[in-house]
Amino acid sequence: MNNLDEIITNLEYTKKLINQYKQANGIVDNKITNYLKEYKEFFIKRKEIGKNYIKFLDSLRFDYKNLDTAEIGKGIFDSVVIEYPTTIITPYYEYLDNLGSRVIKREFASLEGIPALLEETEIGNKVTEIKNSINTFMIQNPYSIYDIESWDKLHNRTKYNILLGVYGSNFDKDKEDKIKLIKEFKEKLNNEFISMYETNNDEYYYIVGSNRKKLI
């Protein structure tokens, strides 16, 4: 968190973060220089809310602080598992080098319920099915609906567990949209899941997660 200005130079990752900031604040202005200071302050605060979100998961006894759980698609600014031994699968791995081999530097996709790693090569995308001990996949505050495409099929195949959550300030302009995302997603799940919504002071947290024994 000491290199916030450097993170701004990571255009792909930063673009996603800025978009979340704009959605939460109802901003349509595309000039980042107009709100750069507020953008940084927003994600420092969001990081703190993320710590409370983790406590929320703990209160529900979700098991994710281990290498057989993978957090998907997050970077140093919005990962909630950096201080735990959780696997991290992400193309936004800058500033995560100190985490060693538990960071898998790839994009993740659920291909009709089959977890896979995506890698760009000179001859096209290389797809590798995840066949190791990872059996739970978690994501919070996804950047878009495409980030959780076919995640319901991950759960419904019964071999894998998922944790899909959202959190933020009760004053965020996109709060209702994020709550709607969870509600609509859980309607696709066949059975064996927990869904819980909670508020704490000015914060909210909403989770839907598999509730069954791990089968791998």
Protein backbone atom coordinates (compact mmCIF):
# COMPACT_ATOMS: atom_id res chain seq x y z
CA MET A 1 0.00 0.00 0.00
CA ASN A 2 3.03 2.29 -0.14
CA ASN A 3 3.06 2.41 -3.94
CA LEU A 4 -0.37 3.82 -4.79
CA ASP A 5 1.00 6.09 -7.49
CA GLU A 6 2.81 3.15 -9.10
CA ILE A 7 -0.40 1.13 -9.17
CA ILE A 8 -1.99 3.89 -11.23
CA THR A 9 0.42 2.96 -14.04
CA ASN A 10 -1.01 -0.55 -14.30
CA LEU A 11 -3.65 0.45 -16.81
CA GLU A 12 -5.69 -2.75 -17.08
CA TYR A 13 -6.00 -3.32 -13.35
CA THR A 14 -6.43 0.36 -12.58
CA LYS A 15 -9.17 0.74 -15.18
CA LYS A 16 -11.24 -1.90 -13.39
CA LEU A 17 -10.66 -0.29 -10.01
CA ILE A 18 -11.53 3.16 -11.32
CA ASN A 19 -14.72 1.81 -12.84
CA GLN A 20 -15.75 0.39 -9.46
CA TYR A 21 -14.99 3.73 -7.82
CA LYS A 22 -17.12 5.56 -10.40
CA GLN A 23 -20.02 3.12 -10.03
CA ALA A 24 -19.98 3.43 -6.25
CA ASN A 25 -20.01 7.22 -6.47
CA GLY A 26 -22.27 7.71 -9.50
CA ILE A 27 -19.50 9.41 -11.50
CA VAL A 28 -19.72 9.80 -15.27
CA ASP A 29 -16.67 12.06 -15.70
CA ASN A 30 -13.94 10.12 -17.53
CA LYS A 31 -11.01 12.34 -16.47
CA ILE A 32 -9.25 10.51 -13.65
CA THR A 33 -7.18 13.59 -12.78
CA ASN A 34 -10.38 15.22 -11.58
CA TYR A 35 -10.78 12.73 -8.73
CA LEU A 36 -7.44 10.95 -8.31
CA LYS A 37 -7.10 11.84 -4.62
CA GLU A 38 -10.64 10.71 -3.83
CA TYR A 39 -10.07 7.50 -5.82
CA LYS A 40 -7.09 6.57 -3.62
CA GLU A 41 -8.97 7.38 -0.42
CA PHE A 42 -11.91 5.30 -1.61
CA PHE A 43 -9.82 2.17 -2.06
CA ILE A 44 -7.98 2.64 1.22
CA LYS A 45 -11.42 2.69 2.87
CA ARG A 46 -12.61 -0.23 0.72
CA LYS A 47 -9.57 -2.20 1.90
CA GLU A 48 -10.69 -1.67 5.49
CA ILE A 49 -14.22 -2.78 4.66
CA GLY A 50 -12.68 -5.87 3.08
CA LYS A 51 -11.15 -6.79 6.43
CA ASN A 52 -14.60 -6.63 8.03
CA TYR A 53 -15.98 -8.69 5.15
CA ILE A 54 -13.43 -11.37 6.08
CA LYS A 55 -14.72 -11.32 9.66
CA PHE A 56 -18.20 -11.76 8.23
CA LEU A 57 -17.05 -14.88 6.34
CA ASP A 58 -15.40 -16.18 9.50
CA SER A 59 -18.63 -15.73 11.46
CA LEU A 60 -20.32 -18.02 8.94
CA ARG A 61 -17.49 -20.54 9.30
CA PHE A 62 -16.49 -20.58 5.66
CA ASP A 63 -13.21 -22.42 5.16
CA TYR A 64 -10.97 -20.42 2.84
CA LYS A 65 -7.67 -19.80 4.65
CA ASN A 66 -5.83 -22.63 2.91
CA LEU A 67 -4.09 -23.46 -0.36
CA ASP A 68 -7.00 -25.53 -1.68
CA THR A 69 -9.08 -22.33 -1.88
CA ALA A 70 -8.30 -19.84 -4.64
CA GLU A 71 -9.26 -16.18 -4.71
CA ILE A 72 -9.87 -15.16 -8.31
CA GLY A 73 -8.87 -12.12 -10.32
CA LYS A 74 -7.87 -9.64 -7.62
CA GLY A 75 -4.76 -7.53 -7.08
CA ILE A 76 -2.94 -5.88 -4.22
CA PHE A 77 -5.62 -3.23 -3.80
CA ASP A 78 -8.69 -5.47 -3.51
CA SER A 79 -7.51 -8.94 -2.51
CA VAL A 80 -8.87 -9.93 0.91
CA VAL A 81 -6.61 -12.96 1.47
CA ILE A 82 -3.08 -11.57 1.12
CA GLU A 83 -2.29 -12.21 4.77
CA TYR A 84 -3.65 -15.77 4.70
CA PRO A 85 -2.27 -18.94 3.05
CA THR A 86 -4.98 -18.84 0.37
CA THR A 87 -4.05 -19.44 -3.26
CA ILE A 88 -4.49 -16.40 -5.51
CA ILE A 89 -5.18 -16.81 -9.23
CA THR A 90 -4.87 -13.46 -10.99
CA PRO A 91 -3.40 -11.69 -14.01
CA TYR A 92 -2.95 -8.65 -11.74
CA TYR A 93 0.00 -10.00 -9.76
CA GLU A 94 2.16 -6.88 -9.61
CA TYR A 95 3.37 -6.19 -6.05
CA LEU A 96 2.42 -9.74 -4.98
CA ASP A 97 5.85 -11.28 -5.61
CA ASN A 98 6.47 -11.65 -1.89
CA LEU A 99 3.66 -14.22 -1.72
CA GLY A 100 5.67 -16.75 -3.70
CA SER A 101 4.20 -19.85 -5.32
CA ARG A 102 0.70 -19.39 -3.92
CA VAL A 103 0.12 -16.73 -6.58
CA ILE A 104 -0.80 -18.29 -9.94
CA LYS A 105 -0.21 -15.64 -12.60
CA ARG A 106 -3.03 -16.53 -14.97
CA GLU A 107 -6.59 -15.62 -15.82
CA PHE A 108 -9.29 -17.96 -14.51
CA ALA A 109 -12.43 -19.16 -16.25
CA SER A 110 -15.22 -21.57 -15.46
CA LEU A 111 -15.75 -23.44 -18.72
CA GLU A 112 -19.21 -24.91 -18.29
CA GLY A 113 -18.29 -25.70 -14.70
CA ILE A 114 -14.74 -26.88 -15.36
CA PRO A 115 -12.15 -24.61 -13.68
CA ALA A 116 -9.37 -23.60 -16.04
CA LEU A 117 -6.37 -21.30 -16.40
CA LEU A 118 -6.05 -19.12 -19.49
CA GLU A 119 -2.75 -18.03 -20.97
CA GLU A 120 -2.09 -15.92 -24.07
CA THR A 121 0.49 -17.43 -26.42
CA GLU A 122 1.78 -16.56 -29.87
CA ILE A 123 -0.60 -19.06 -31.44
CA GLY A 124 -3.66 -18.18 -29.35
CA ASN A 125 -5.08 -18.80 -25.92
CA LYS A 126 -3.86 -21.84 -24.03
CA VAL A 127 -6.45 -23.44 -21.76
CA THR A 128 -5.35 -25.67 -18.89
CA GLU A 129 -7.86 -27.44 -16.69
CA ILE A 130 -7.18 -27.09 -12.97
CA LYS A 131 -6.69 -30.62 -11.71
CA ASN A 132 -4.73 -30.07 -8.54
CA SER A 133 -6.04 -29.80 -5.00
CA ILE A 134 -7.90 -26.49 -5.46
CA ASN A 135 -11.55 -27.19 -4.78
CA THR A 136 -12.99 -23.86 -3.66
CA PHE A 137 -13.07 -20.67 -5.71
CA MET A 138 -13.87 -17.29 -4.20
CA ILE A 139 -14.41 -13.83 -5.59
CA GLN A 140 -15.72 -10.63 -4.06
CA ASN A 141 -16.93 -7.45 -5.73
CA PRO A 142 -16.47 -8.87 -9.25
CA TYR A 143 -15.57 -6.24 -11.82
CA SER A 144 -18.38 -7.36 -14.14
CA ILE A 145 -20.92 -10.13 -14.64
CA TYR A 146 -18.44 -11.83 -16.98
CA ASP A 147 -16.09 -12.47 -14.05
CA ILE A 148 -18.58 -14.97 -12.62
CA GLU A 149 -19.79 -16.51 -15.86
CA SER A 150 -20.61 -20.20 -15.31
CA TRP A 151 -19.70 -20.02 -11.63
CA ASP A 152 -23.12 -21.46 -10.86
CA LYS A 153 -22.07 -24.53 -12.84
CA LEU A 154 -18.93 -24.83 -10.71
CA HIS A 155 -21.20 -25.21 -7.70
CA ASN A 156 -23.86 -27.30 -9.41
CA ARG A 157 -21.34 -29.90 -10.57
CA THR A 158 -21.02 -30.66 -6.80
CA LYS A 159 -17.27 -31.26 -7.08
CA TYR A 160 -16.34 -27.66 -6.36
CA ASN A 161 -17.30 -25.01 -3.84
CA ILE A 162 -17.74 -21.31 -4.48
CA LEU A 163 -17.81 -18.13 -2.41
CA LEU A 164 -19.30 -15.12 -4.18
CA GLY A 165 -19.64 -11.94 -2.19
CA VAL A 166 -20.11 -8.20 -2.37
CA TYR A 167 -19.43 -5.52 0.19
CA GLY A 168 -19.11 -1.78 0.50
CA SER A 169 -20.58 1.32 2.08
CA ASN A 170 -24.31 1.63 2.61
CA PHE A 171 -24.02 4.96 0.81
CA ASP A 172 -22.55 3.47 -2.39
CA LYS A 173 -24.64 4.27 -5.46
CA ASP A 174 -24.18 0.73 -6.81
CA LYS A 175 -25.21 -1.09 -3.63
CA GLU A 176 -28.58 -2.25 -4.94
CA ASP A 177 -27.06 -3.44 -8.22
CA LYS A 178 -24.54 -5.57 -6.35
CA ILE A 179 -27.21 -7.01 -4.07
CA LYS A 180 -29.28 -7.83 -7.14
CA LEU A 181 -26.27 -9.63 -8.61
CA ILE A 182 -26.11 -11.98 -5.62
CA LYS A 183 -29.85 -12.55 -5.53
CA GLU A 184 -30.02 -13.44 -9.21
CA PHE A 185 -26.94 -15.63 -9.01
CA LYS A 186 -28.20 -17.74 -6.12
CA GLU A 187 -31.38 -18.50 -8.05
CA LYS A 188 -29.20 -20.54 -10.41
CA LEU A 189 -27.82 -22.77 -7.66
CA ASN A 190 -29.42 -26.15 -7.17
CA ASN A 191 -28.83 -26.85 -3.47
CA GLU A 192 -26.43 -26.86 -0.54
CA PHE A 193 -25.55 -23.21 -0.21
CA ILE A 194 -25.68 -20.45 2.38
CA SER A 195 -26.79 -16.92 1.56
CA MET A 196 -26.44 -14.18 4.14
CA TYR A 197 -26.74 -10.39 4.17
CA GLU A 198 -25.50 -8.23 7.04
CA THR A 199 -24.85 -4.58 7.82
CA ASN A 200 -22.39 -3.15 10.33
CA ASN A 201 -22.45 0.57 11.03
CA ASP A 202 -22.21 2.11 7.53
CA GLU A 203 -21.07 -1.09 5.80
CA TYR A 204 -22.85 -4.00 4.15
CA TYR A 205 -21.79 -7.53 3.27
CA TYR A 206 -23.60 -10.17 1.21
CA ILE A 207 -22.38 -13.68 0.52
CA VAL A 208 -23.59 -16.80 -1.24
CA GLY A 209 -21.38 -19.82 -0.71
CA SER A 210 -21.38 -23.58 -1.07
CA ASN A 211 -22.26 -25.36 2.16
CA ARG A 212 -21.09 -28.94 1.89
CA LYS A 213 -18.09 -31.13 2.47
CA LYS A 214 -15.21 -30.76 0.07
CA LEU A 215 -15.06 -33.73 -2.24
CA ILE A 216 -11.53 -33.49 -3.66
